[in-house]
């Protein structure tokens, strides 16, 4: 993914870690501009509720996000979701596309 930042309504960027970008490329996943905007909105909502390390669930993928750093740590495709255990998260948000 070449564009590694998304602007929220408050002009605070959502960043993607090197690892998250590698996962996106390796799995052939891409986030549309609309999805990036929804991600920024979700992270804003999580921050307002006190989230620090959160799982953002889209239809086809999940993103582990450091809310305090506004950074996507890793990306998990739908195929991998069934076999993963997520630990050390304090919140989950489901995003409708």
PDB file of N, CA and C in Angstrom:
ATOM      1  N   UNK A   1       0.849  -1.167   0.000  1.00  0.00           N
ATOM      2  CA  UNK A   1       0.000   0.000   0.000  1.00  0.00           C
ATOM      3  C   UNK A   1       0.895   1.230   0.000  1.00  0.00           C
ATOM      4  N   UNK A   2       0.773   2.058  -0.980  1.00  0.00           N
ATOM      5  CA  UNK A   2       1.673   3.180  -1.107  1.00  0.00           C
ATOM      6  C   UNK A   2       1.308   4.323  -0.182  1.00  0.00           C
ATOM      7  N   UNK A   3       0.038   4.671  -0.097  1.00  0.00           N
ATOM      8  CA  UNK A   3      -0.384   5.731   0.793  1.00  0.00           C
ATOM      9  C   UNK A   3      -0.560   5.140   2.179  1.00  0.00           C
ATOM     10  N   UNK A   4       0.322   5.515   3.085  1.00  0.00           N
ATOM     11  CA  UNK A   4       0.297   4.897   4.406  1.00  0.00           C
ATOM     12  C   UNK A   4      -0.385   5.757   5.452  1.00  0.00           C
ATOM     13  N   UNK A   5      -1.047   6.811   5.032  1.00  0.00           N
ATOM     14  CA  UNK A   5      -1.731   7.649   5.989  1.00  0.00           C
ATOM     15  C   UNK A   5      -3.129   7.985   5.496  1.00  0.00           C
ATOM     16  N   UNK A   6      -4.012   8.176   6.457  1.00  0.00           N
ATOM     17  CA  UNK A   6      -5.366   8.595   6.166  1.00  0.00           C
ATOM     18  C   UNK A   6      -5.680   9.775   7.056  1.00  0.00           C
ATOM     19  N   UNK A   7      -6.320  10.769   6.527  1.00  0.00           N
ATOM     20  CA  UNK A   7      -6.673  11.926   7.334  1.00  0.00           C
ATOM     21  C   UNK A   7      -8.075  11.737   7.898  1.00  0.00           C
ATOM     22  N   UNK A   8      -8.213  12.003   9.176  1.00  0.00           N
ATOM     23  CA  UNK A   8      -9.535  11.981   9.804  1.00  0.00           C
ATOM     24  C   UNK A   8     -10.121  13.372   9.693  1.00  0.00           C
ATOM     25  N   UNK A   9     -11.327  13.523  10.217  1.00  0.00           N
ATOM     26  CA  UNK A   9     -11.958  14.824  10.216  1.00  0.00           C
ATOM     27  C   UNK A   9     -11.157  15.843  11.004  1.00  0.00           C
ATOM     28  N   UNK A  10     -10.383  15.401  11.991  1.00  0.00           N
ATOM     29  CA  UNK A  10      -9.590  16.301  12.809  1.00  0.00           C
ATOM     30  C   UNK A  10      -8.183  16.477  12.244  1.00  0.00           C
ATOM     31  N   UNK A  11      -7.930  16.032  11.018  1.00  0.00           N
ATOM     32  CA  UNK A  11      -6.620  16.115  10.378  1.00  0.00           C
ATOM     33  C   UNK A  11      -5.519  15.432  11.177  1.00  0.00           C
ATOM     34  N   UNK A  12      -5.859  14.355  11.851  1.00  0.00           N
ATOM     35  CA  UNK A  12      -4.868  13.555  12.558  1.00  0.00           C
ATOM     36  C   UNK A  12      -4.701  12.270  11.758  1.00  0.00           C
ATOM     37  N   UNK A  13      -3.472  12.005  11.339  1.00  0.00           N
ATOM     38  CA  UNK A  13      -3.214  10.892  10.433  1.00  0.00           C
ATOM     39  C   UNK A  13      -3.297   9.541  11.134  1.00  0.00           C
ATOM     40  N   UNK A  14      -3.798   8.545  10.401  1.00  0.00           N
ATOM     41  CA  UNK A  14      -3.709   7.150  10.803  1.00  0.00           C
ATOM     42  C   UNK A  14      -2.524   6.595  10.025  1.00  0.00           C
ATOM     43  N   UNK A  15      -1.546   6.061  10.736  1.00  0.00           N
ATOM     44  CA  UNK A  15      -0.351   5.528  10.092  1.00  0.00           C
ATOM     45  C   UNK A  15      -0.432   4.010  10.031  1.00  0.00           C
ATOM     46  N   UNK A  16       0.319   3.437   9.120  1.00  0.00           N
ATOM     47  CA  UNK A  16       0.449   1.987   9.006  1.00  0.00           C
ATOM     48  C   UNK A  16       1.902   1.633   9.278  1.00  0.00           C
ATOM     49  N   UNK A  17       2.118   0.705  10.194  1.00  0.00           N
ATOM     50  CA  UNK A  17       3.477   0.258  10.468  1.00  0.00           C
ATOM     51  C   UNK A  17       4.037  -0.458   9.247  1.00  0.00           C
ATOM     52  N   UNK A  18       5.345  -0.608   9.224  1.00  0.00           N
ATOM     53  CA  UNK A  18       5.992  -1.337   8.138  1.00  0.00           C
ATOM     54  C   UNK A  18       5.415  -2.756   8.055  1.00  0.00           C
ATOM     55  N   UNK A  19       5.218  -3.384   9.215  1.00  0.00           N
ATOM     56  CA  UNK A  19       4.657  -4.736   9.263  1.00  0.00           C
ATOM     57  C   UNK A  19       3.256  -4.777   8.653  1.00  0.00           C
ATOM     58  N   UNK A  20       2.419  -3.799   9.010  1.00  0.00           N
ATOM     59  CA  UNK A  20       1.053  -3.756   8.472  1.00  0.00           C
ATOM     60  C   UNK A  20       1.078  -3.583   6.956  1.00  0.00           C
ATOM     61  N   UNK A  21       1.949  -2.715   6.458  1.00  0.00           N
ATOM     62  CA  UNK A  21       2.061  -2.535   5.009  1.00  0.00           C
ATOM     63  C   UNK A  21       2.510  -3.814   4.320  1.00  0.00           C
ATOM     64  N   UNK A  22       3.442  -4.526   4.935  1.00  0.00           N
ATOM     65  CA  UNK A  22       3.900  -5.801   4.369  1.00  0.00           C
ATOM     66  C   UNK A  22       2.765  -6.819   4.324  1.00  0.00           C
ATOM     67  N   UNK A  23       1.960  -6.874   5.373  1.00  0.00           N
ATOM     68  CA  UNK A  23       0.817  -7.798   5.409  1.00  0.00           C
ATOM     69  C   UNK A  23      -0.190  -7.469   4.310  1.00  0.00           C
ATOM     70  N   UNK A  24      -0.463  -6.196   4.126  1.00  0.00           N
ATOM     71  CA  UNK A  24      -1.398  -5.791   3.069  1.00  0.00           C
ATOM     72  C   UNK A  24      -0.891  -6.238   1.708  1.00  0.00           C
ATOM     73  N   UNK A  25       0.377  -5.976   1.443  1.00  0.00           N
ATOM     74  CA  UNK A  25       0.962  -6.347   0.149  1.00  0.00           C
ATOM     75  C   UNK A  25       1.006  -7.858  -0.025  1.00  0.00           C
ATOM     76  N   UNK A  26       1.461  -8.570   0.985  1.00  0.00           N
ATOM     77  CA  UNK A  26       1.591 -10.028   0.904  1.00  0.00           C
ATOM     78  C   UNK A  26       0.247 -10.702   0.642  1.00  0.00           C
ATOM     79  N   UNK A  27      -0.804 -10.181   1.247  1.00  0.00           N
ATOM     80  CA  UNK A  27      -2.121 -10.792   1.126  1.00  0.00           C
ATOM     81  C   UNK A  27      -2.951 -10.178   0.005  1.00  0.00           C
ATOM     82  N   UNK A  28      -2.392  -9.230  -0.709  1.00  0.00           N
ATOM     83  CA  UNK A  28      -3.103  -8.613  -1.822  1.00  0.00           C
ATOM     84  C   UNK A  28      -4.320  -7.822  -1.377  1.00  0.00           C
ATOM     85  N   UNK A  29      -4.245  -7.238  -0.195  1.00  0.00           N
ATOM     86  CA  UNK A  29      -5.365  -6.459   0.341  1.00  0.00           C
ATOM     87  C   UNK A  29      -5.116  -4.982   0.105  1.00  0.00           C
ATOM     88  N   UNK A  30      -6.208  -4.257  -0.100  1.00  0.00           N
ATOM     89  CA  UNK A  30      -6.095  -2.825  -0.312  1.00  0.00           C
ATOM     90  C   UNK A  30      -7.274  -2.143   0.355  1.00  0.00           C
ATOM     91  N   UNK A  31      -7.010  -1.021   0.991  1.00  0.00           N
ATOM     92  CA  UNK A  31      -8.076  -0.244   1.613  1.00  0.00           C
ATOM     93  C   UNK A  31      -8.422   0.930   0.709  1.00  0.00           C
ATOM     94  N   UNK A  32      -9.699   1.071   0.419  1.00  0.00           N
ATOM     95  CA  UNK A  32     -10.156   2.189  -0.409  1.00  0.00           C
ATOM     96  C   UNK A  32     -10.106   3.476   0.405  1.00  0.00           C
ATOM     97  N   UNK A  33     -10.258   4.599  -0.269  1.00  0.00           N
ATOM     98  CA  UNK A  33     -10.303   5.895   0.419  1.00  0.00           C
ATOM     99  C   UNK A  33     -11.453   5.917   1.419  1.00  0.00           C
ATOM    100  N   UNK A  34     -12.579   5.316   1.033  1.00  0.00           N
ATOM    101  CA  UNK A  34     -13.732   5.247   1.937  1.00  0.00           C
ATOM    102  C   UNK A  34     -13.406   4.417   3.178  1.00  0.00           C
ATOM    103  N   UNK A  35     -12.731   3.290   2.985  1.00  0.00           N
ATOM    104  CA  UNK A  35     -12.351   2.443   4.117  1.00  0.00           C
ATOM    105  C   UNK A  35     -11.364   3.152   5.034  1.00  0.00           C
ATOM    106  N   UNK A  36     -10.430   3.904   4.451  1.00  0.00           N
ATOM    107  CA  UNK A  36      -9.476   4.665   5.265  1.00  0.00           C
ATOM    108  C   UNK A  36     -10.195   5.733   6.090  1.00  0.00           C
ATOM    109  N   UNK A  37     -11.189   6.371   5.497  1.00  0.00           N
ATOM    110  CA  UNK A  37     -11.976   7.369   6.230  1.00  0.00           C
ATOM    111  C   UNK A  37     -12.761   6.697   7.358  1.00  0.00           C
ATOM    112  N   UNK A  38     -13.325   5.513   7.078  1.00  0.00           N
ATOM    113  CA  UNK A  38     -14.048   4.772   8.114  1.00  0.00           C
ATOM    114  C   UNK A  38     -13.109   4.326   9.228  1.00  0.00           C
ATOM    115  N   UNK A  39     -11.896   3.954   8.871  1.00  0.00           N
ATOM    116  CA  UNK A  39     -10.894   3.581   9.864  1.00  0.00           C
ATOM    117  C   UNK A  39     -10.577   4.763  10.779  1.00  0.00           C
ATOM    118  N   UNK A  40     -10.377   5.930  10.197  1.00  0.00           N
ATOM    119  CA  UNK A  40     -10.086   7.128  10.992  1.00  0.00           C
ATOM    120  C   UNK A  40     -11.243   7.441  11.942  1.00  0.00           C
ATOM    121  N   UNK A  41     -12.468   7.321  11.448  1.00  0.00           N
ATOM    122  CA  UNK A  41     -13.640   7.554  12.291  1.00  0.00           C
ATOM    123  C   UNK A  41     -13.701   6.538  13.426  1.00  0.00           C
ATOM    124  N   UNK A  42     -13.414   5.276  13.112  1.00  0.00           N
ATOM    125  CA  UNK A  42     -13.428   4.215  14.126  1.00  0.00           C
ATOM    126  C   UNK A  42     -12.369   4.481  15.196  1.00  0.00           C
ATOM    127  N   UNK A  43     -11.170   4.882  14.777  1.00  0.00           N
ATOM    128  CA  UNK A  43     -10.101   5.159  15.741  1.00  0.00           C
ATOM    129  C   UNK A  43     -10.472   6.355  16.612  1.00  0.00           C
ATOM    130  N   UNK A  44     -11.102   7.363  16.028  1.00  0.00           N
ATOM    131  CA  UNK A  44     -11.577   8.501  16.825  1.00  0.00           C
ATOM    132  C   UNK A  44     -12.590   8.045  17.870  1.00  0.00           C
ATOM    133  N   UNK A  45     -13.512   7.179  17.476  1.00  0.00           N
ATOM    134  CA  UNK A  45     -14.518   6.661  18.412  1.00  0.00           C
ATOM    135  C   UNK A  45     -13.865   5.867  19.528  1.00  0.00           C
ATOM    136  N   UNK A  46     -12.900   5.027  19.174  1.00  0.00           N
ATOM    137  CA  UNK A  46     -12.189   4.235  20.174  1.00  0.00           C
ATOM    138  C   UNK A  46     -11.441   5.135  21.150  1.00  0.00           C
ATOM    139  N   UNK A  47     -10.812   6.185  20.635  1.00  0.00           N
ATOM    140  CA  UNK A  47     -10.073   7.113  21.493  1.00  0.00           C
ATOM    141  C   UNK A  47     -11.016   7.808  22.474  1.00  0.00           C
ATOM    142  N   UNK A  48     -12.197   8.199  22.007  1.00  0.00           N
ATOM    143  CA  UNK A  48     -13.177   8.858  22.873  1.00  0.00           C
ATOM    144  C   UNK A  48     -13.657   7.941  23.995  1.00  0.00           C
ATOM    145  N   UNK A  49     -13.655   6.647  23.744  1.00  0.00           N
ATOM    146  CA  UNK A  49     -14.102   5.669  24.740  1.00  0.00           C
ATOM    147  C   UNK A  49     -12.955   5.137  25.597  1.00  0.00           C
ATOM    148  N   UNK A  50     -11.738   5.649  25.360  1.00  0.00           N
ATOM    149  CA  UNK A  50     -10.606   5.239  26.175  1.00  0.00           C
ATOM    150  C   UNK A  50      -9.835   4.043  25.659  1.00  0.00           C
ATOM    151  N   UNK A  51     -10.110   3.625  24.419  1.00  0.00           N
ATOM    152  CA  UNK A  51      -9.390   2.501  23.841  1.00  0.00           C
ATOM    153  C   UNK A  51      -7.917   2.827  23.660  1.00  0.00           C
ATOM    154  N   UNK A  52      -7.069   1.821  23.869  1.00  0.00           N
ATOM    155  CA  UNK A  52      -5.627   2.003  23.691  1.00  0.00           C
ATOM    156  C   UNK A  52      -5.079   1.052  22.641  1.00  0.00           C
ATOM    157  N   UNK A  53      -5.455  -0.213  22.746  1.00  0.00           N
ATOM    158  CA  UNK A  53      -5.026  -1.227  21.782  1.00  0.00           C
ATOM    159  C   UNK A  53      -6.283  -1.941  21.325  1.00  0.00           C
ATOM    160  N   UNK A  54      -6.678  -1.726  20.082  1.00  0.00           N
ATOM    161  CA  UNK A  54      -8.001  -2.134  19.637  1.00  0.00           C
ATOM    162  C   UNK A  54      -7.976  -2.952  18.356  1.00  0.00           C
ATOM    163  N   UNK A  55      -9.027  -3.729  18.183  1.00  0.00           N
ATOM    164  CA  UNK A  55      -9.232  -4.492  16.963  1.00  0.00           C
ATOM    165  C   UNK A  55     -10.350  -3.819  16.185  1.00  0.00           C
ATOM    166  N   UNK A  56     -10.050  -3.429  14.955  1.00  0.00           N
ATOM    167  CA  UNK A  56     -11.041  -2.805  14.072  1.00  0.00           C
ATOM    168  C   UNK A  56     -11.427  -3.860  13.041  1.00  0.00           C
ATOM    169  N   UNK A  57     -12.687  -4.268  13.063  1.00  0.00           N
ATOM    170  CA  UNK A  57     -13.180  -5.342  12.200  1.00  0.00           C
ATOM    171  C   UNK A  57     -13.939  -4.781  11.004  1.00  0.00           C
ATOM    172  N   UNK A  58     -13.412  -5.040   9.812  1.00  0.00           N
ATOM    173  CA  UNK A  58     -14.111  -4.768   8.570  1.00  0.00           C
ATOM    174  C   UNK A  58     -14.698  -6.090   8.078  1.00  0.00           C
ATOM    175  N   UNK A  59     -15.452  -6.070   6.991  1.00  0.00           N
ATOM    176  CA  UNK A  59     -16.051  -7.298   6.457  1.00  0.00           C
ATOM    177  C   UNK A  59     -15.008  -8.346   6.093  1.00  0.00           C
ATOM    178  N   UNK A  60     -13.941  -7.943   5.427  1.00  0.00           N
ATOM    179  CA  UNK A  60     -12.963  -8.891   4.906  1.00  0.00           C
ATOM    180  C   UNK A  60     -11.629  -8.896   5.641  1.00  0.00           C
ATOM    181  N   UNK A  61     -11.456  -8.014   6.621  1.00  0.00           N
ATOM    182  CA  UNK A  61     -10.189  -7.983   7.324  1.00  0.00           C
ATOM    183  C   UNK A  61     -10.330  -7.353   8.698  1.00  0.00           C
ATOM    184  N   UNK A  62      -9.320  -7.603   9.506  1.00  0.00           N
ATOM    185  CA  UNK A  62      -9.248  -7.013  10.835  1.00  0.00           C
ATOM    186  C   UNK A  62      -7.926  -6.271  10.951  1.00  0.00           C
ATOM    187  N   UNK A  63      -7.956  -5.161  11.652  1.00  0.00           N
ATOM    188  CA  UNK A  63      -6.753  -4.364  11.843  1.00  0.00           C
ATOM    189  C   UNK A  63      -6.515  -4.207  13.342  1.00  0.00           C
ATOM    190  N   UNK A  64      -5.317  -4.538  13.786  1.00  0.00           N
ATOM    191  CA  UNK A  64      -4.927  -4.310  15.164  1.00  0.00           C
ATOM    192  C   UNK A  64      -4.309  -2.917  15.208  1.00  0.00           C
ATOM    193  N   UNK A  65      -4.892  -2.036  16.035  1.00  0.00           N
ATOM    194  CA  UNK A  65      -4.529  -0.626  16.017  1.00  0.00           C
ATOM    195  C   UNK A  65      -4.091  -0.154  17.392  1.00  0.00           C
ATOM    196  N   UNK A  66      -2.977   0.563  17.430  1.00  0.00           N
ATOM    197  CA  UNK A  66      -2.594   1.300  18.624  1.00  0.00           C
ATOM    198  C   UNK A  66      -3.331   2.631  18.535  1.00  0.00           C
ATOM    199  N   UNK A  67      -4.371   2.777  19.334  1.00  0.00           N
ATOM    200  CA  UNK A  67      -5.202   3.979  19.267  1.00  0.00           C
ATOM    201  C   UNK A  67      -4.404   5.198  19.735  1.00  0.00           C
ATOM    202  N   UNK A  68      -3.628   5.020  20.788  1.00  0.00           N
ATOM    203  CA  UNK A  68      -2.869   6.151  21.326  1.00  0.00           C
ATOM    204  C   UNK A  68      -1.823   6.658  20.338  1.00  0.00           C
ATOM    205  N   UNK A  69      -1.253   5.773  19.542  1.00  0.00           N
ATOM    206  CA  UNK A  69      -0.267   6.176  18.531  1.00  0.00           C
ATOM    207  C   UNK A  69      -0.893   6.381  17.158  1.00  0.00           C
ATOM    208  N   UNK A  70      -2.212   6.059  17.054  1.00  0.00           N
ATOM    209  CA  UNK A  70      -2.953   6.176  15.800  1.00  0.00           C
ATOM    210  C   UNK A  70      -2.239   5.433  14.670  1.00  0.00           C
ATOM    211  N   UNK A  71      -1.817   4.187  14.998  1.00  0.00           N
ATOM    212  CA  UNK A  71      -1.035   3.374  14.062  1.00  0.00           C
ATOM    213  C   UNK A  71      -1.626   1.982  13.937  1.00  0.00           C
ATOM    214  N   UNK A  72      -1.802   1.528  12.685  1.00  0.00           N
ATOM    215  CA  UNK A  72      -2.207   0.146  12.428  1.00  0.00           C
ATOM    216  C   UNK A  72      -0.958  -0.713  12.608  1.00  0.00           C
ATOM    217  N   UNK A  73      -1.036  -1.676  13.518  1.00  0.00           N
ATOM    218  CA  UNK A  73       0.108  -2.526  13.851  1.00  0.00           C
ATOM    219  C   UNK A  73       0.199  -3.717  12.904  1.00  0.00           C
ATOM    220  N   UNK A  74      -0.937  -4.368  12.660  1.00  0.00           N
ATOM    221  CA  UNK A  74      -0.958  -5.494  11.739  1.00  0.00           C
ATOM    222  C   UNK A  74      -2.338  -5.622  11.117  1.00  0.00           C
ATOM    223  N   UNK A  75      -2.390  -6.377  10.039  1.00  0.00           N
ATOM    224  CA  UNK A  75      -3.624  -6.587   9.282  1.00  0.00           C
ATOM    225  C   UNK A  75      -3.822  -8.090   9.115  1.00  0.00           C
ATOM    226  N   UNK A  76      -5.041  -8.542   9.365  1.00  0.00           N
ATOM    227  CA  UNK A  76      -5.364  -9.964   9.249  1.00  0.00           C
ATOM    228  C   UNK A  76      -6.503 -10.110   8.252  1.00  0.00           C
ATOM    229  N   UNK A  77      -6.302 -10.937   7.233  1.00  0.00           N
ATOM    230  CA  UNK A  77      -7.350 -11.200   6.254  1.00  0.00           C
ATOM    231  C   UNK A  77      -8.397 -12.143   6.811  1.00  0.00           C
ATOM    232  N   UNK A  78      -9.544 -12.190   6.175  1.00  0.00           N
ATOM    233  CA  UNK A  78     -10.670 -13.005   6.639  1.00  0.00           C
ATOM    234  C   UNK A  78     -10.280 -14.478   6.800  1.00  0.00           C
ATOM    235  N   UNK A  79      -9.450 -14.995   5.894  1.00  0.00           N
ATOM    236  CA  UNK A  79      -9.070 -16.415   5.958  1.00  0.00           C
ATOM    237  C   UNK A  79      -8.313 -16.726   7.244  1.00  0.00           C
ATOM    238  N   UNK A  80      -7.512 -15.792   7.711  1.00  0.00           N
ATOM    239  CA  UNK A  80      -6.701 -16.012   8.899  1.00  0.00           C
ATOM    240  C   UNK A  80      -7.446 -15.730  10.201  1.00  0.00           C
ATOM    241  N   UNK A  81      -8.587 -15.082  10.118  1.00  0.00           N
ATOM    242  CA  UNK A  81      -9.308 -14.695  11.333  1.00  0.00           C
ATOM    243  C   UNK A  81      -9.760 -15.890  12.166  1.00  0.00           C
ATOM    244  N   UNK A  82     -10.110 -16.977  11.525  1.00  0.00           N
ATOM    245  CA  UNK A  82     -10.679 -18.111  12.236  1.00  0.00           C
ATOM    246  C   UNK A  82      -9.660 -18.837  13.097  1.00  0.00           C
ATOM    247  N   UNK A  83      -8.377 -18.680  12.814  1.00  0.00           N
ATOM    248  CA  UNK A  83      -7.365 -19.420  13.544  1.00  0.00           C
ATOM    249  C   UNK A  83      -6.556 -18.538  14.483  1.00  0.00           C
ATOM    250  N   UNK A  84      -6.921 -17.280  14.646  1.00  0.00           N
ATOM    251  CA  UNK A  84      -6.141 -16.364  15.477  1.00  0.00           C
ATOM    252  C   UNK A  84      -6.805 -16.122  16.821  1.00  0.00           C
ATOM    253  N   UNK A  85      -5.962 -15.943  17.816  1.00  0.00           N
ATOM    254  CA  UNK A  85      -6.388 -15.508  19.140  1.00  0.00           C
ATOM    255  C   UNK A  85      -5.804 -14.118  19.324  1.00  0.00           C
ATOM    256  N   UNK A  86      -6.637 -13.173  19.704  1.00  0.00           N
ATOM    257  CA  UNK A  86      -6.182 -11.805  19.895  1.00  0.00           C
ATOM    258  C   UNK A  86      -6.065 -11.544  21.390  1.00  0.00           C
ATOM    259  N   UNK A  87      -4.883 -11.157  21.825  1.00  0.00           N
ATOM    260  CA  UNK A  87      -4.655 -10.853  23.236  1.00  0.00           C
ATOM    261  C   UNK A  87      -4.184  -9.416  23.367  1.00  0.00           C
ATOM    262  N   UNK A  88      -4.230  -8.926  24.579  1.00  0.00           N
ATOM    263  CA  UNK A  88      -3.759  -7.574  24.896  1.00  0.00           C
ATOM    264  C   UNK A  88      -4.477  -6.485  24.115  1.00  0.00           C
ATOM    265  N   UNK A  89      -5.754  -6.688  23.862  1.00  0.00           N
ATOM    266  CA  UNK A  89      -6.570  -5.619  23.288  1.00  0.00           C
ATOM    267  C   UNK A  89      -7.602  -5.229  24.330  1.00  0.00           C
ATOM    268  N   UNK A  90      -8.015  -3.983  24.312  1.00  0.00           N
ATOM    269  CA  UNK A  90      -8.999  -3.542  25.287  1.00  0.00           C
ATOM    270  C   UNK A  90     -10.337  -3.158  24.660  1.00  0.00           C
ATOM    271  N   UNK A  91     -10.427  -3.228  23.338  1.00  0.00           N
ATOM    272  CA  UNK A  91     -11.686  -2.869  22.690  1.00  0.00           C
ATOM    273  C   UNK A  91     -11.730  -3.399  21.273  1.00  0.00           C
ATOM    274  N   UNK A  92     -12.962  -3.530  20.771  1.00  0.00           N
ATOM    275  CA  UNK A  92     -13.209  -3.982  19.412  1.00  0.00           C
ATOM    276  C   UNK A  92     -14.305  -3.095  18.834  1.00  0.00           C
ATOM    277  N   UNK A  93     -14.149  -2.731  17.559  1.00  0.00           N
ATOM    278  CA  UNK A  93     -15.196  -1.977  16.876  1.00  0.00           C
ATOM    279  C   UNK A  93     -15.439  -2.648  15.520  1.00  0.00           C
ATOM    280  N   UNK A  94     -16.714  -2.766  15.160  1.00  0.00           N
ATOM    281  CA  UNK A  94     -17.106  -3.350  13.869  1.00  0.00           C
ATOM    282  C   UNK A  94     -17.475  -2.201  12.942  1.00  0.00           C
ATOM    283  N   UNK A  95     -16.866  -2.210  11.756  1.00  0.00           N
ATOM    284  CA  UNK A  95     -17.093  -1.150  10.768  1.00  0.00           C
ATOM    285  C   UNK A  95     -17.870  -1.734   9.612  1.00  0.00           C
ATOM    286  N   UNK A  96     -19.003  -1.139   9.299  1.00  0.00           N
ATOM    287  CA  UNK A  96     -19.808  -1.563   8.150  1.00  0.00           C
ATOM    288  C   UNK A  96     -19.342  -0.824   6.915  1.00  0.00           C
ATOM    289  N   UNK A  97     -19.110  -1.563   5.844  1.00  0.00           N
ATOM    290  CA  UNK A  97     -18.644  -0.951   4.603  1.00  0.00           C
ATOM    291  C   UNK A  97     -19.825  -0.654   3.716  1.00  0.00           C
TER     292      UNK A  97
END
